[in-house]
PDB file of all heavy atoms in Angstrom:
ATOM      1  N   ARG A   1       0.819  -1.220   0.000  1.00  0.00           N
ATOM      2  CA  ARG A   1       0.000   0.000   0.000  1.00  0.00           C
ATOM      3  C   ARG A   1       0.848   1.264   0.000  1.00  0.00           C
ATOM      4  O   ARG A   1       0.348   2.339  -0.293  1.00  0.00           O
ATOM      5  CB  ARG A   1      -0.907   0.000   1.224  1.00  0.00           C
ATOM      6  CG  ARG A   1      -1.972  -1.055   1.169  1.00  0.00           C
ATOM      7  CD  ARG A   1      -2.884  -0.969   2.382  1.00  0.00           C
ATOM      8  NE  ARG A   1      -3.961  -1.933   2.264  1.00  0.00           N
ATOM      9  CZ  ARG A   1      -4.320  -2.745   3.226  1.00  0.00           C
ATOM     10  NH1 ARG A   1      -3.726  -2.723   4.388  1.00  0.00           N
ATOM     11  NH2 ARG A   1      -5.306  -3.593   3.038  1.00  0.00           N
ATOM     12  N   ASN A   2       2.103   1.158   0.356  1.00  0.00           N
ATOM     13  CA  ASN A   2       2.965   2.332   0.515  1.00  0.00           C
ATOM     14  C   ASN A   2       3.866   2.534  -0.689  1.00  0.00           C
ATOM     15  O   ASN A   2       5.085   2.510  -0.581  1.00  0.00           O
ATOM     16  CB  ASN A   2       3.801   2.196   1.795  1.00  0.00           C
ATOM     17  CG  ASN A   2       2.923   2.099   3.009  1.00  0.00           C
ATOM     18  OD1 ASN A   2       1.967   2.855   3.151  1.00  0.00           O
ATOM     19  ND2 ASN A   2       3.213   1.157   3.880  1.00  0.00           N
ATOM     20  N   ILE A   3       3.252   2.748  -1.853  1.00  0.00           N
ATOM     21  CA  ILE A   3       4.015   2.948  -3.080  1.00  0.00           C
ATOM     22  C   ILE A   3       3.570   4.248  -3.739  1.00  0.00           C
ATOM     23  O   ILE A   3       2.523   4.816  -3.398  1.00  0.00           O
ATOM     24  CB  ILE A   3       3.855   1.772  -4.059  1.00  0.00           C
ATOM     25  CG1 ILE A   3       2.389   1.540  -4.410  1.00  0.00           C
ATOM     26  CG2 ILE A   3       4.479   0.504  -3.484  1.00  0.00           C
ATOM     27  CD1 ILE A   3       2.154   0.479  -5.455  1.00  0.00           C
ATOM     28  N   ASP A   4       4.339   4.709  -4.683  1.00  0.00           N
ATOM     29  CA  ASP A   4       4.046   5.927  -5.409  1.00  0.00           C
ATOM     30  C   ASP A   4       2.665   5.821  -6.071  1.00  0.00           C
ATOM     31  O   ASP A   4       2.339   4.797  -6.678  1.00  0.00           O
ATOM     32  CB  ASP A   4       5.137   6.139  -6.468  1.00  0.00           C
ATOM     33  CG  ASP A   4       5.082   7.490  -7.130  1.00  0.00           C
ATOM     34  OD1 ASP A   4       3.980   7.936  -7.532  1.00  0.00           O
ATOM     35  OD2 ASP A   4       6.148   8.118  -7.252  1.00  0.00           O
ATOM     36  N   SER A   5       1.888   6.865  -6.000  1.00  0.00           N
ATOM     37  CA  SER A   5       0.545   6.865  -6.594  1.00  0.00           C
ATOM     38  C   SER A   5       0.599   6.688  -8.114  1.00  0.00           C
ATOM     39  O   SER A   5      -0.396   6.292  -8.723  1.00  0.00           O
ATOM     40  CB  SER A   5      -0.206   8.138  -6.230  1.00  0.00           C
ATOM     41  OG  SER A   5       0.460   9.275  -6.753  1.00  0.00           O
ATOM     42  N   LEU A   6       1.752   6.954  -8.721  1.00  0.00           N
ATOM     43  CA  LEU A   6       1.906   6.710 -10.158  1.00  0.00           C
ATOM     44  C   LEU A   6       1.576   5.258 -10.499  1.00  0.00           C
ATOM     45  O   LEU A   6       0.969   4.982 -11.530  1.00  0.00           O
ATOM     46  CB  LEU A   6       3.345   7.027 -10.599  1.00  0.00           C
ATOM     47  CG  LEU A   6       3.724   6.515 -11.991  1.00  0.00           C
ATOM     48  CD1 LEU A   6       2.997   7.320 -13.071  1.00  0.00           C
ATOM     49  CD2 LEU A   6       5.214   6.567 -12.192  1.00  0.00           C
ATOM     50  N   PHE A   7       1.951   4.322  -9.621  1.00  0.00           N
ATOM     51  CA  PHE A   7       1.712   2.907  -9.903  1.00  0.00           C
ATOM     52  C   PHE A   7       0.227   2.559  -9.827  1.00  0.00           C
ATOM     53  O   PHE A   7      -0.248   1.698 -10.565  1.00  0.00           O
ATOM     54  CB  PHE A   7       2.557   2.032  -8.985  1.00  0.00           C
ATOM     55  CG  PHE A   7       4.036   2.243  -9.181  1.00  0.00           C
ATOM     56  CD1 PHE A   7       4.838   2.632  -8.131  1.00  0.00           C
ATOM     57  CD2 PHE A   7       4.618   2.075 -10.419  1.00  0.00           C
ATOM     58  CE1 PHE A   7       6.195   2.837  -8.306  1.00  0.00           C
ATOM     59  CE2 PHE A   7       5.981   2.285 -10.619  1.00  0.00           C
ATOM     60  CZ  PHE A   7       6.764   2.668  -9.565  1.00  0.00           C
ATOM     61  N   GLU A   8      -0.503   3.233  -8.956  1.00  0.00           N
ATOM     62  CA  GLU A   8      -1.951   3.037  -8.908  1.00  0.00           C
ATOM     63  C   GLU A   8      -2.608   3.597 -10.162  1.00  0.00           C
ATOM     64  O   GLU A   8      -3.475   2.960 -10.753  1.00  0.00           O
ATOM     65  CB  GLU A   8      -2.534   3.676  -7.655  1.00  0.00           C
ATOM     66  CG  GLU A   8      -2.088   2.991  -6.381  1.00  0.00           C
ATOM     67  CD  GLU A   8      -2.661   3.643  -5.133  1.00  0.00           C
ATOM     68  OE1 GLU A   8      -3.408   4.649  -5.251  1.00  0.00           O
ATOM     69  OE2 GLU A   8      -2.368   3.140  -4.034  1.00  0.00           O
ATOM     70  N   GLN A   9      -2.191   4.775 -10.564  1.00  0.00           N
ATOM     71  CA  GLN A   9      -2.709   5.380 -11.790  1.00  0.00           C
ATOM     72  C   GLN A   9      -2.405   4.480 -12.988  1.00  0.00           C
ATOM     73  O   GLN A   9      -3.258   4.261 -13.854  1.00  0.00           O
ATOM     74  CB  GLN A   9      -2.089   6.762 -11.985  1.00  0.00           C
ATOM     75  CG  GLN A   9      -2.501   7.451 -13.262  1.00  0.00           C
ATOM     76  CD  GLN A   9      -1.744   8.769 -13.467  1.00  0.00           C
ATOM     77  OE1 GLN A   9      -1.155   9.315 -12.551  1.00  0.00           O
ATOM     78  NE2 GLN A   9      -1.753   9.251 -14.690  1.00  0.00           N
ATOM     79  N   THR A  10      -1.197   3.960 -13.035  1.00  0.00           N
ATOM     80  CA  THR A  10      -0.794   3.059 -14.117  1.00  0.00           C
ATOM     81  C   THR A  10      -1.670   1.819 -14.145  1.00  0.00           C
ATOM     82  O   THR A  10      -2.097   1.379 -15.218  1.00  0.00           O
ATOM     83  CB  THR A  10       0.691   2.670 -13.956  1.00  0.00           C
ATOM     84  OG1 THR A  10       1.489   3.851 -14.082  1.00  0.00           O
ATOM     85  CG2 THR A  10       1.118   1.647 -14.984  1.00  0.00           C
ATOM     86  N   ALA A  11      -1.949   1.256 -12.983  1.00  0.00           N
ATOM     87  CA  ALA A  11      -2.792   0.057 -12.913  1.00  0.00           C
ATOM     88  C   ALA A  11      -4.166   0.336 -13.520  1.00  0.00           C
ATOM     89  O   ALA A  11      -4.686  -0.473 -14.299  1.00  0.00           O
ATOM     90  CB  ALA A  11      -2.919  -0.410 -11.464  1.00  0.00           C
ATOM     91  N   ARG A  12      -4.754   1.471 -13.175  1.00  0.00           N
ATOM     92  CA  ARG A  12      -6.070   1.825 -13.731  1.00  0.00           C
ATOM     93  C   ARG A  12      -5.999   1.965 -15.256  1.00  0.00           C
ATOM     94  O   ARG A  12      -6.868   1.480 -15.972  1.00  0.00           O
ATOM     95  CB  ARG A  12      -6.596   3.120 -13.120  1.00  0.00           C
ATOM     96  CG  ARG A  12      -7.072   2.969 -11.681  1.00  0.00           C
ATOM     97  CD  ARG A  12      -7.747   4.227 -11.169  1.00  0.00           C
ATOM     98  NE  ARG A  12      -8.926   4.608 -11.925  1.00  0.00           N
ATOM     99  CZ  ARG A  12     -10.115   4.008 -11.842  1.00  0.00           C
ATOM    100  NH1 ARG A  12     -10.265   2.981 -11.036  1.00  0.00           N
ATOM    101  NH2 ARG A  12     -11.129   4.432 -12.565  1.00  0.00           N
ATOM    102  N   GLU A  13      -4.968   2.626 -15.749  1.00  0.00           N
ATOM    103  CA  GLU A  13      -4.819   2.834 -17.192  1.00  0.00           C
ATOM    104  C   GLU A  13      -4.660   1.508 -17.925  1.00  0.00           C
ATOM    105  O   GLU A  13      -5.249   1.305 -18.996  1.00  0.00           O
ATOM    106  CB  GLU A  13      -3.619   3.730 -17.481  1.00  0.00           C
ATOM    107  CG  GLU A  13      -3.801   5.158 -17.042  1.00  0.00           C
ATOM    108  CD  GLU A  13      -2.517   5.978 -17.150  1.00  0.00           C
ATOM    109  OE1 GLU A  13      -1.456   5.422 -17.528  1.00  0.00           O
ATOM    110  OE2 GLU A  13      -2.574   7.187 -16.844  1.00  0.00           O
ATOM    111  N   VAL A  14      -3.867   0.617 -17.358  1.00  0.00           N
ATOM    112  CA  VAL A  14      -3.647  -0.686 -17.989  1.00  0.00           C
ATOM    113  C   VAL A  14      -4.934  -1.494 -17.998  1.00  0.00           C
ATOM    114  O   VAL A  14      -5.313  -2.078 -19.022  1.00  0.00           O
ATOM    115  CB  VAL A  14      -2.498  -1.448 -17.290  1.00  0.00           C
ATOM    116  CG1 VAL A  14      -2.462  -2.911 -17.709  1.00  0.00           C
ATOM    117  CG2 VAL A  14      -1.162  -0.764 -17.590  1.00  0.00           C
ATOM    118  N   VAL A  15      -5.623  -1.537 -16.885  1.00  0.00           N
ATOM    119  CA  VAL A  15      -6.881  -2.292 -16.826  1.00  0.00           C
ATOM    120  C   VAL A  15      -7.887  -1.718 -17.824  1.00  0.00           C
ATOM    121  O   VAL A  15      -8.556  -2.471 -18.540  1.00  0.00           O
ATOM    122  CB  VAL A  15      -7.454  -2.314 -15.399  1.00  0.00           C
ATOM    123  CG1 VAL A  15      -8.859  -2.903 -15.382  1.00  0.00           C
ATOM    124  CG2 VAL A  15      -6.546  -3.119 -14.476  1.00  0.00           C
ATOM    125  N   ARG A  16      -7.995  -0.410 -17.894  1.00  0.00           N
ATOM    126  CA  ARG A  16      -8.924   0.216 -18.852  1.00  0.00           C
ATOM    127  C   ARG A  16      -8.577  -0.205 -20.283  1.00  0.00           C
ATOM    128  O   ARG A  16      -9.459  -0.577 -21.065  1.00  0.00           O
ATOM    129  CB  ARG A  16      -8.889   1.727 -18.726  1.00  0.00           C
ATOM    130  CG  ARG A  16      -9.875   2.431 -19.661  1.00  0.00           C
ATOM    131  CD  ARG A  16      -9.897   3.922 -19.468  1.00  0.00           C
ATOM    132  NE  ARG A  16      -9.049   4.252 -18.339  1.00  0.00           N
ATOM    133  CZ  ARG A  16      -8.634   5.444 -17.995  1.00  0.00           C
ATOM    134  NH1 ARG A  16      -9.008   6.471 -18.670  1.00  0.00           N
ATOM    135  NH2 ARG A  16      -7.844   5.649 -16.985  1.00  0.00           N
ATOM    136  N   ALA A  17      -7.298  -0.159 -20.647  1.00  0.00           N
ATOM    137  CA  ALA A  17      -6.878  -0.530 -21.996  1.00  0.00           C
ATOM    138  C   ALA A  17      -7.159  -1.997 -22.288  1.00  0.00           C
ATOM    139  O   ALA A  17      -7.659  -2.345 -23.367  1.00  0.00           O
ATOM    140  CB  ALA A  17      -5.386  -0.236 -22.182  1.00  0.00           C
ATOM    141  N   VAL A  18      -6.868  -2.847 -21.334  1.00  0.00           N
ATOM    142  CA  VAL A  18      -7.063  -4.282 -21.532  1.00  0.00           C
ATOM    143  C   VAL A  18      -8.559  -4.613 -21.624  1.00  0.00           C
ATOM    144  O   VAL A  18      -8.984  -5.370 -22.502  1.00  0.00           O
ATOM    145  CB  VAL A  18      -6.357  -5.076 -20.405  1.00  0.00           C
ATOM    146  CG1 VAL A  18      -6.707  -6.546 -20.452  1.00  0.00           C
ATOM    147  CG2 VAL A  18      -4.842  -4.889 -20.501  1.00  0.00           C
ATOM    148  N   CYS A  19      -9.348  -4.027 -20.749  1.00  0.00           N
ATOM    149  CA  CYS A  19     -10.797  -4.269 -20.791  1.00  0.00           C
ATOM    150  C   CYS A  19     -11.417  -3.717 -22.077  1.00  0.00           C
ATOM    151  O   CYS A  19     -12.284  -4.364 -22.671  1.00  0.00           O
ATOM    152  CB  CYS A  19     -11.473  -3.664 -19.570  1.00  0.00           C
ATOM    153  SG  CYS A  19     -11.113  -4.526 -18.026  1.00  0.00           S
ATOM    154  N   SER A  20     -10.959  -2.551 -22.515  1.00  0.00           N
ATOM    155  CA  SER A  20     -11.517  -1.982 -23.746  1.00  0.00           C
ATOM    156  C   SER A  20     -11.148  -2.822 -24.965  1.00  0.00           C
ATOM    157  O   SER A  20     -11.823  -2.743 -25.997  1.00  0.00           O
ATOM    158  CB  SER A  20     -11.080  -0.532 -23.931  1.00  0.00           C
ATOM    159  OG  SER A  20      -9.705  -0.449 -24.213  1.00  0.00           O
ATOM    160  N   ALA A  21     -10.116  -3.651 -24.844  1.00  0.00           N
ATOM    161  CA  ALA A  21      -9.742  -4.564 -25.926  1.00  0.00           C
ATOM    162  C   ALA A  21     -10.492  -5.896 -25.815  1.00  0.00           C
ATOM    163  O   ALA A  21     -10.231  -6.819 -26.583  1.00  0.00           O
ATOM    164  CB  ALA A  21      -8.233  -4.809 -25.908  1.00  0.00           C
ATOM    165  N   GLY A  22     -11.415  -5.997 -24.854  1.00  0.00           N
ATOM    166  CA  GLY A  22     -12.271  -7.177 -24.768  1.00  0.00           C
ATOM    167  C   GLY A  22     -11.823  -8.266 -23.832  1.00  0.00           C
ATOM    168  O   GLY A  22     -12.275  -9.408 -23.948  1.00  0.00           O
ATOM    169  N   TYR A  23     -10.973  -7.946 -22.893  1.00  0.00           N
ATOM    170  CA  TYR A  23     -10.497  -8.938 -21.937  1.00  0.00           C
ATOM    171  C   TYR A  23     -11.220  -8.791 -20.601  1.00  0.00           C
ATOM    172  O   TYR A  23     -11.518  -7.678 -20.165  1.00  0.00           O
ATOM    173  CB  TYR A  23      -9.005  -8.755 -21.645  1.00  0.00           C
ATOM    174  CG  TYR A  23      -8.086  -9.101 -22.776  1.00  0.00           C
ATOM    175  CD1 TYR A  23      -7.825  -8.186 -23.790  1.00  0.00           C
ATOM    176  CD2 TYR A  23      -7.436 -10.330 -22.820  1.00  0.00           C
ATOM    177  CE1 TYR A  23      -6.967  -8.485 -24.818  1.00  0.00           C
ATOM    178  CE2 TYR A  23      -6.567 -10.632 -23.851  1.00  0.00           C
ATOM    179  CZ  TYR A  23      -6.339  -9.704 -24.845  1.00  0.00           C
ATOM    180  OH  TYR A  23      -5.470 -10.005 -25.868  1.00  0.00           O
ATOM    181  N   ASP A  24     -11.467  -9.913 -19.943  1.00  0.00           N
ATOM    182  CA  ASP A  24     -11.841  -9.929 -18.535  1.00  0.00           C
ATOM    183  C   ASP A  24     -10.553 -10.054 -17.735  1.00  0.00           C
ATOM    184  O   ASP A  24      -9.528 -10.502 -18.259  1.00  0.00           O
ATOM    185  CB  ASP A  24     -12.769 -11.102 -18.214  1.00  0.00           C
ATOM    186  CG  ASP A  24     -14.186 -10.875 -18.724  1.00  0.00           C
ATOM    187  OD1 ASP A  24     -14.595  -9.712 -18.891  1.00  0.00           O
ATOM    188  OD2 ASP A  24     -14.886 -11.880 -18.954  1.00  0.00           O
ATOM    189  N   ILE A  25     -10.613  -9.690 -16.463  1.00  0.00           N
ATOM    190  CA  ILE A  25      -9.415  -9.611 -15.639  1.00  0.00           C
ATOM    191  C   ILE A  25      -9.406 -10.665 -14.551  1.00  0.00           C
ATOM    192  O   ILE A  25     -10.408 -10.893 -13.864  1.00  0.00           O
ATOM    193  CB  ILE A  25      -9.297  -8.211 -14.989  1.00  0.00           C
ATOM    194  CG1 ILE A  25      -9.321  -7.108 -16.051  1.00  0.00           C
ATOM    195  CG2 ILE A  25      -8.058  -8.118 -14.097  1.00  0.00           C
ATOM    196  CD1 ILE A  25      -8.167  -7.130 -17.038  1.00  0.00           C
ATOM    197  N   VAL A  26      -8.238 -11.261 -14.366  1.00  0.00           N
ATOM    198  CA  VAL A  26      -7.955 -12.174 -13.266  1.00  0.00           C
ATOM    199  C   VAL A  26      -6.807 -11.553 -12.483  1.00  0.00           C
ATOM    200  O   VAL A  26      -5.842 -11.064 -13.070  1.00  0.00           O
ATOM    201  CB  VAL A  26      -7.531 -13.575 -13.771  1.00  0.00           C
ATOM    202  CG1 VAL A  26      -7.233 -14.506 -12.607  1.00  0.00           C
ATOM    203  CG2 VAL A  26      -8.579 -14.168 -14.699  1.00  0.00           C
ATOM    204  N   SER A  27      -6.917 -11.554 -11.160  1.00  0.00           N
ATOM    205  CA  SER A  27      -5.817 -11.039 -10.348  1.00  0.00           C
ATOM    206  C   SER A  27      -5.741 -11.794  -9.032  1.00  0.00           C
ATOM    207  O   SER A  27      -6.513 -12.714  -8.785  1.00  0.00           O
ATOM    208  CB  SER A  27      -5.963  -9.536 -10.098  1.00  0.00           C
ATOM    209  OG  SER A  27      -6.916  -9.283  -9.087  1.00  0.00           O
ATOM    210  N   GLY A  28      -4.824 -11.333  -8.178  1.00  0.00           N
ATOM    211  CA  GLY A  28      -4.580 -11.996  -6.908  1.00  0.00           C
ATOM    212  C   GLY A  28      -5.672 -11.857  -5.873  1.00  0.00           C
ATOM    213  O   GLY A  28      -5.620 -12.499  -4.834  1.00  0.00           O
ATOM    214  N   GLY A  29      -6.650 -11.017  -6.121  1.00  0.00           N
ATOM    215  CA  GLY A  29      -7.858 -11.008  -5.315  1.00  0.00           C
ATOM    216  C   GLY A  29      -7.795 -10.378  -3.939  1.00  0.00           C
ATOM    217  O   GLY A  29      -8.693 -10.593  -3.136  1.00  0.00           O
ATOM    218  N   THR A  30      -6.754  -9.580  -3.656  1.00  0.00           N
ATOM    219  CA  THR A  30      -6.735  -8.956  -2.340  1.00  0.00           C
ATOM    220  C   THR A  30      -7.109  -7.484  -2.449  1.00  0.00           C
ATOM    221  O   THR A  30      -7.139  -6.907  -3.529  1.00  0.00           O
ATOM    222  CB  THR A  30      -5.367  -9.062  -1.620  1.00  0.00           C
ATOM    223  OG1 THR A  30      -4.467  -8.092  -2.134  1.00  0.00           O
ATOM    224  CG2 THR A  30      -4.787 -10.460  -1.715  1.00  0.00           C
ATOM    225  N   GLU A  31      -7.369  -6.896  -1.295  1.00  0.00           N
ATOM    226  CA  GLU A  31      -7.717  -5.483  -1.202  1.00  0.00           C
ATOM    227  C   GLU A  31      -6.489  -4.613  -0.944  1.00  0.00           C
ATOM    228  O   GLU A  31      -6.623  -3.453  -0.583  1.00  0.00           O
ATOM    229  CB  GLU A  31      -8.734  -5.275  -0.084  1.00  0.00           C
ATOM    230  CG  GLU A  31      -8.179  -5.641   1.282  1.00  0.00           C
ATOM    231  CD  GLU A  31      -9.161  -5.409   2.419  1.00  0.00           C
ATOM    232  OE1 GLU A  31     -10.285  -4.967   2.163  1.00  0.00           O
ATOM    233  OE2 GLU A  31      -8.781  -5.670   3.566  1.00  0.00           O
ATOM    234  N   LYS A  32      -5.315  -5.169  -1.143  1.00  0.00           N
ATOM    235  CA  LYS A  32      -4.070  -4.467  -0.822  1.00  0.00           C
ATOM    236  C   LYS A  32      -3.382  -3.934  -2.075  1.00  0.00           C
ATOM    237  O   LYS A  32      -3.376  -4.575  -3.119  1.00  0.00           O
ATOM    238  CB  LYS A  32      -3.126  -5.416  -0.089  1.00  0.00           C
ATOM    239  CG  LYS A  32      -3.667  -5.888   1.256  1.00  0.00           C
ATOM    240  CD  LYS A  32      -2.759  -6.893   1.908  1.00  0.00           C
ATOM    241  CE  LYS A  32      -1.515  -6.191   2.389  1.00  0.00           C
ATOM    242  NZ  LYS A  32      -0.597  -7.068   3.103  1.00  0.00           N
ATOM    243  N   GLY A  33      -2.784  -2.756  -1.946  1.00  0.00           N
ATOM    244  CA  GLY A  33      -1.928  -2.202  -2.976  1.00  0.00           C
ATOM    245  C   GLY A  33      -2.589  -2.058  -4.327  1.00  0.00           C
ATOM    246  O   GLY A  33      -3.778  -1.787  -4.432  1.00  0.00           O
ATOM    247  N   THR A  34      -1.797  -2.252  -5.382  1.00  0.00           N
ATOM    248  CA  THR A  34      -2.358  -2.125  -6.720  1.00  0.00           C
ATOM    249  C   THR A  34      -3.283  -3.277  -7.060  1.00  0.00           C
ATOM    250  O   THR A  34      -4.077  -3.165  -7.993  1.00  0.00           O
ATOM    251  CB  THR A  34      -1.249  -1.982  -7.801  1.00  0.00           C
ATOM    252  OG1 THR A  34      -0.280  -2.994  -7.630  1.00  0.00           O
ATOM    253  CG2 THR A  34      -0.589  -0.627  -7.737  1.00  0.00           C
ATOM    254  N   MET A  35      -3.243  -4.363  -6.275  1.00  0.00           N
ATOM    255  CA  MET A  35      -4.236  -5.425  -6.482  1.00  0.00           C
ATOM    256  C   MET A  35      -5.638  -4.884  -6.271  1.00  0.00           C
ATOM    257  O   MET A  35      -6.562  -5.233  -7.006  1.00  0.00           O
ATOM    258  CB  MET A  35      -3.977  -6.613  -5.552  1.00  0.00           C
ATOM    259  CG  MET A  35      -3.130  -7.688  -6.179  1.00  0.00           C
ATOM    260  SD  MET A  35      -3.202  -9.230  -5.277  1.00  0.00           S
ATOM    261  CE  MET A  35      -1.862  -8.980  -4.141  1.00  0.00           C
ATOM    262  N   ALA A  36      -5.808  -4.027  -5.275  1.00  0.00           N
ATOM    263  CA  ALA A  36      -7.120  -3.424  -5.024  1.00  0.00           C
ATOM    264  C   ALA A  36      -7.528  -2.522  -6.182  1.00  0.00           C
ATOM    265  O   ALA A  36      -8.694  -2.510  -6.594  1.00  0.00           O
ATOM    266  CB  ALA A  36      -7.090  -2.635  -3.718  1.00  0.00           C
ATOM    267  N   VAL A  37      -6.580  -1.772  -6.722  1.00  0.00           N
ATOM    268  CA  VAL A  37      -6.855  -0.880  -7.846  1.00  0.00           C
ATOM    269  C   VAL A  37      -7.264  -1.697  -9.066  1.00  0.00           C
ATOM    270  O   VAL A  37      -8.236  -1.369  -9.760  1.00  0.00           O
ATOM    271  CB  VAL A  37      -5.635   0.009  -8.156  1.00  0.00           C
ATOM    272  CG1 VAL A  37      -5.873   0.853  -9.399  1.00  0.00           C
ATOM    273  CG2 VAL A  37      -5.294   0.885  -6.961  1.00  0.00           C
ATOM    274  N   VAL A  38      -6.532  -2.778  -9.340  1.00  0.00           N
ATOM    275  CA  VAL A  38      -6.844  -3.640 -10.478  1.00  0.00           C
ATOM    276  C   VAL A  38      -8.248  -4.217 -10.334  1.00  0.00           C
ATOM    277  O   VAL A  38      -9.045  -4.205 -11.281  1.00  0.00           O
ATOM    278  CB  VAL A  38      -5.792  -4.763 -10.626  1.00  0.00           C
ATOM    279  CG1 VAL A  38      -6.269  -5.861 -11.564  1.00  0.00           C
ATOM    280  CG2 VAL A  38      -4.469  -4.179 -11.117  1.00  0.00           C
ATOM    281  N   ALA A  39      -8.578  -4.709  -9.158  1.00  0.00           N
ATOM    282  CA  ALA A  39      -9.898  -5.314  -8.934  1.00  0.00           C
ATOM    283  C   ALA A  39     -11.010  -4.289  -9.147  1.00  0.00           C
ATOM    284  O   ALA A  39     -11.994  -4.566  -9.847  1.00  0.00           O
ATOM    285  CB  ALA A  39      -9.962  -5.898  -7.525  1.00  0.00           C
ATOM    286  N   GLY A  40     -10.858  -3.121  -8.560  1.00  0.00           N
ATOM    287  CA  GLY A  40     -11.883  -2.094  -8.712  1.00  0.00           C
ATOM    288  C   GLY A  40     -12.033  -1.627 -10.145  1.00  0.00           C
ATOM    289  O   GLY A  40     -13.150  -1.471 -10.651  1.00  0.00           O
ATOM    290  N   ALA A  41     -10.911  -1.413 -10.812  1.00  0.00           N
ATOM    291  CA  ALA A  41     -10.952  -0.966 -12.206  1.00  0.00           C
ATOM    292  C   ALA A  41     -11.534  -2.051 -13.109  1.00  0.00           C
ATOM    293  O   ALA A  41     -12.277  -1.744 -14.050  1.00  0.00           O
ATOM    294  CB  ALA A  41      -9.554  -0.564 -12.674  1.00  0.00           C
ATOM    295  N   ALA A  42     -11.238  -3.294 -12.832  1.00  0.00           N
ATOM    296  CA  ALA A  42     -11.790  -4.391 -13.638  1.00  0.00           C
ATOM    297  C   ALA A  42     -13.313  -4.405 -13.554  1.00  0.00           C
ATOM    298  O   ALA A  42     -13.999  -4.557 -14.576  1.00  0.00           O
ATOM    299  CB  ALA A  42     -11.221  -5.730 -13.180  1.00  0.00           C
ATOM    300  N   MET A  43     -13.838  -4.233 -12.369  1.00  0.00           N
ATOM    301  CA  MET A  43     -15.296  -4.203 -12.219  1.00  0.00           C
ATOM    302  C   MET A  43     -15.888  -2.979 -12.909  1.00  0.00           C
ATOM    303  O   MET A  43     -16.956  -3.045 -13.504  1.00  0.00           O
ATOM    304  CB  MET A  43     -15.673  -4.241 -10.742  1.00  0.00           C
ATOM    305  CG  MET A  43     -15.324  -5.563 -10.060  1.00  0.00           C
ATOM    306  SD  MET A  43     -16.125  -7.001 -10.820  1.00  0.00           S
ATOM    307  CE  MET A  43     -17.812  -6.720 -10.301  1.00  0.00           C
ATOM    308  N   GLU A  44     -15.181  -1.863 -12.848  1.00  0.00           N
ATOM    309  CA  GLU A  44     -15.663  -0.630 -13.474  1.00  0.00           C
ATOM    310  C   GLU A  44     -15.647  -0.720 -14.998  1.00  0.00           C
ATOM    311  O   GLU A  44     -16.609  -0.330 -15.666  1.00  0.00           O
ATOM    312  CB  GLU A  44     -14.796   0.542 -13.021  1.00  0.00           C
ATOM    313  CG  GLU A  44     -15.201   1.871 -13.614  1.00  0.00           C
ATOM    314  CD  GLU A  44     -14.327   3.023 -13.150  1.00  0.00           C
ATOM    315  OE1 GLU A  44     -13.562   2.866 -12.169  1.00  0.00           O
ATOM    316  OE2 GLU A  44     -14.396   4.091 -13.781  1.00  0.00           O
TER     317      GLU A  44
END
């Protein structure tokens, strides 16, 4: 959880790009760090 916010922003951008290309997302499933960002962005 204690990382530069750039990495969280990057995670959202990557998930958006991947989802817009027609992919569903699989991840480690925790609420910690960028895993939480990936999970939330995937649902969004």
